[in-house]
Amino acid sequence: MSGTDKMKNKAEELTGKGKEAVGDATDDRDLQAEGKADQASGNLKQAGEKVKDVFK
C-alpha cells in the first residue's frame, strides 16, 4: 500500500470521526450519518489497498 494512499484513507476516517463527534454534540443526525459514512469509506479503501498488496 502506498504511503500516500494510506494517509489519505486514514485522514478520511479521522474526518468522519470528527464529523460524527460534532453531530453527537449538536444532535445533528445528518452530520452523524455523514461521519459514519466517511469512516466506512476510509476503512473500505484501506481494506482494498491491503488486498492489492497481498497479490503483488
Protein backbone atom coordinates (compact mmCIF):
# COMPACT_ATOMS: atom_id res chain seq x y z
CA MET A 1 0.00 0.00 0.00
CA SER A 2 1.44 3.32 -0.91
CA GLY A 3 2.09 5.64 1.98
CA THR A 4 0.15 8.46 0.36
CA ASP A 5 -2.96 6.34 -0.14
CA LYS A 6 -2.72 5.07 3.41
CA MET A 7 -2.52 8.62 4.78
CA LYS A 8 -5.46 9.80 2.64
CA ASN A 9 -7.62 6.89 3.77
CA LYS A 10 -6.72 7.44 7.42
CA ALA A 11 -7.44 11.17 7.06
CA GLU A 12 -10.86 10.38 5.62
CA GLU A 13 -11.55 8.04 8.53
CA LEU A 14 -10.47 10.65 11.09
CA THR A 15 -12.53 13.34 9.37
CA GLY A 16 -15.52 11.03 9.66
CA LYS A 17 -14.89 10.54 13.37
CA GLY A 18 -14.73 14.30 13.82
CA LYS A 19 -17.98 14.86 11.93
CA GLU A 20 -19.67 12.15 13.95
CA ALA A 21 -18.47 13.71 17.23
CA VAL A 22 -19.70 17.17 16.20
CA GLY A 23 -23.00 15.64 15.13
CA ASP A 24 -23.32 13.95 18.52
CA ALA A 25 -22.55 17.19 20.35
CA THR A 26 -25.00 19.26 18.32
CA ASP A 27 -27.61 16.49 17.97
CA ASP A 28 -27.33 16.72 14.16
CA ARG A 29 -28.28 13.29 12.84
CA ASP A 30 -27.32 14.16 9.25
CA LEU A 31 -23.79 15.06 10.31
CA GLN A 32 -23.56 11.90 12.41
CA ALA A 33 -24.56 9.78 9.42
CA GLU A 34 -22.14 11.60 7.12
CA GLY A 35 -19.34 10.98 9.62
CA LYS A 36 -20.13 7.28 9.83
CA ALA A 37 -20.21 7.07 6.03
CA ASP A 38 -16.81 8.77 5.77
CA GLN A 39 -15.37 6.34 8.31
CA ALA A 40 -16.77 3.35 6.45
CA SER A 41 -15.43 4.65 3.15
CA GLY A 42 -11.94 5.15 4.59
CA ASN A 43 -11.95 1.68 6.12
CA LEU A 44 -13.14 0.09 2.89
CA LYS A 45 -10.42 1.82 0.88
CA GLN A 46 -7.77 0.66 3.37
CA ALA A 47 -9.03 -2.91 3.07
CA GLY A 48 -8.87 -2.67 -0.73
CA GLU A 49 -5.27 -1.45 -0.59
CA LYS A 50 -4.34 -4.34 1.70
CA VAL A 51 -5.86 -6.85 -0.72
CA LYS A 52 -3.87 -5.29 -3.58
CA ASP A 53 -0.69 -5.63 -1.51
CA VAL A 54 -1.34 -9.34 -0.92
CA PHE A 55 -1.47 -10.03 -4.67
CA LYS A 56 1.72 -8.12 -5.54
